[in-house]
Amino acid sequence: MKATPNCTRLQVNKPPLPDHLSTDARSKFHDAKVFEHDIGILFNDKERFDVEEYCLSEGWIKVPVGKKVDRFGYPLTVKLKGKVEAFYK
């Protein structure tokens, strides 16, 4: 019996990427099931690796501002607007 490429690949069901996703576990937009897989973000056709939160429909991402933190120890973020695409790696 010959093995075909489709038989040898591990098929993993990945949940669809949400319109709005946050890395902060306290946020209502955090989805732990999505973070079980590697996610990539393209912002204005360039891949970003420092995205804390994104919204596809509104076209923005939130990224940390250096090493600055607020009074509770959470990173300060800035919202950048542009073309946003999310994908599984």
Protein backbone atom coordinates (compact mmCIF):
# COMPACT_ATOMS: atom_id res chain seq x y z
CA MET A 1 0.00 0.00 0.00
CA LYS A 2 1.37 3.40 -1.00
CA ALA A 3 1.25 6.32 1.40
CA THR A 4 -0.18 9.46 -0.11
CA PRO A 5 0.74 12.93 1.14
CA ASN A 6 -2.77 13.38 2.55
CA CYS A 7 -2.46 10.25 4.69
CA THR A 8 0.91 11.17 6.19
CA ARG A 9 -0.02 14.68 7.35
CA LEU A 10 -1.44 15.20 10.78
CA GLN A 11 -4.80 16.88 10.35
CA VAL A 12 -5.49 19.32 13.16
CA ASN A 13 -8.78 21.15 13.44
CA LYS A 14 -7.96 24.75 14.17
CA PRO A 15 -10.67 27.11 15.40
CA PRO A 16 -11.44 30.01 13.07
CA LEU A 17 -9.56 33.18 13.89
CA PRO A 18 -11.83 35.73 15.58
CA ASP A 19 -12.33 39.28 14.36
CA HIS A 20 -10.99 40.67 17.65
CA LEU A 21 -8.34 38.86 19.71
CA SER A 22 -6.25 39.80 22.74
CA THR A 23 -3.24 38.13 24.38
CA ASP A 24 -4.32 39.44 27.80
CA ALA A 25 -6.10 36.65 29.71
CA ARG A 26 -8.19 39.26 31.60
CA SER A 27 -9.73 40.58 28.37
CA LYS A 28 -13.13 39.43 27.11
CA PHE A 29 -11.49 39.06 23.68
CA HIS A 30 -8.99 36.43 24.89
CA ASP A 31 -9.55 32.92 23.45
CA ALA A 32 -7.19 30.27 24.86
CA LYS A 33 -8.13 27.69 22.20
CA VAL A 34 -6.80 29.94 19.44
CA PHE A 35 -3.47 30.41 21.27
CA GLU A 36 -2.81 26.65 21.24
CA HIS A 37 -1.61 27.23 17.65
CA ASP A 38 0.94 29.69 16.24
CA ILE A 39 -0.68 32.88 14.93
CA GLY A 40 0.82 35.44 12.59
CA ILE A 41 -0.25 39.05 12.09
CA LEU A 42 0.38 41.06 8.94
CA PHE A 43 0.10 44.81 9.45
CA ASN A 44 0.34 46.85 6.25
CA ASP A 45 1.78 43.77 4.49
CA LYS A 46 4.61 43.32 7.04
CA GLU A 47 4.61 40.61 9.70
CA ARG A 48 4.54 41.94 13.27
CA PHE A 49 5.71 39.87 16.22
CA ASP A 50 4.82 42.28 19.07
CA VAL A 51 1.02 42.52 18.70
CA GLU A 52 -0.92 42.48 21.99
CA GLU A 53 -4.40 42.83 20.47
CA TYR A 54 -5.97 43.20 17.03
CA CYS A 55 -9.29 43.88 15.32
CA LEU A 56 -9.66 42.85 11.68
CA SER A 57 -12.92 44.66 10.90
CA GLU A 58 -11.81 48.00 12.38
CA GLY A 59 -8.25 47.69 11.02
CA TRP A 60 -6.06 48.24 14.08
CA ILE A 61 -3.49 46.54 16.29
CA LYS A 62 -2.20 47.36 19.76
CA VAL A 63 1.53 47.10 20.38
CA PRO A 64 3.57 47.81 23.53
CA VAL A 65 5.43 51.11 23.87
CA GLY A 66 8.96 49.93 24.64
CA LYS A 67 9.32 48.70 28.21
CA LYS A 68 6.91 51.23 29.70
CA VAL A 69 4.32 49.87 32.15
CA ASP A 70 1.32 51.39 33.88
CA ARG A 71 0.95 51.66 37.65
CA PHE A 72 -0.35 48.08 37.81
CA GLY A 73 2.65 46.66 35.93
CA TYR A 74 0.90 46.03 32.61
CA PRO A 75 2.57 47.22 29.40
CA LEU A 76 1.46 50.53 27.90
CA THR A 77 0.16 50.03 24.38
CA VAL A 78 -0.46 52.23 21.38
CA LYS A 79 -3.13 51.62 18.74
CA LEU A 80 -1.91 51.57 15.14
CA LYS A 81 -4.41 51.75 12.28
CA GLY A 82 -3.93 50.11 8.91
CA LYS A 83 -4.51 46.90 6.95
CA VAL A 84 -4.59 43.91 9.36
CA GLU A 85 -4.51 40.23 8.40
CA ALA A 86 -4.35 37.26 10.80
CA PHE A 87 -3.30 33.74 9.86
CA TYR A 88 -2.17 30.43 11.32
CA LYS A 89 1.50 29.62 10.80
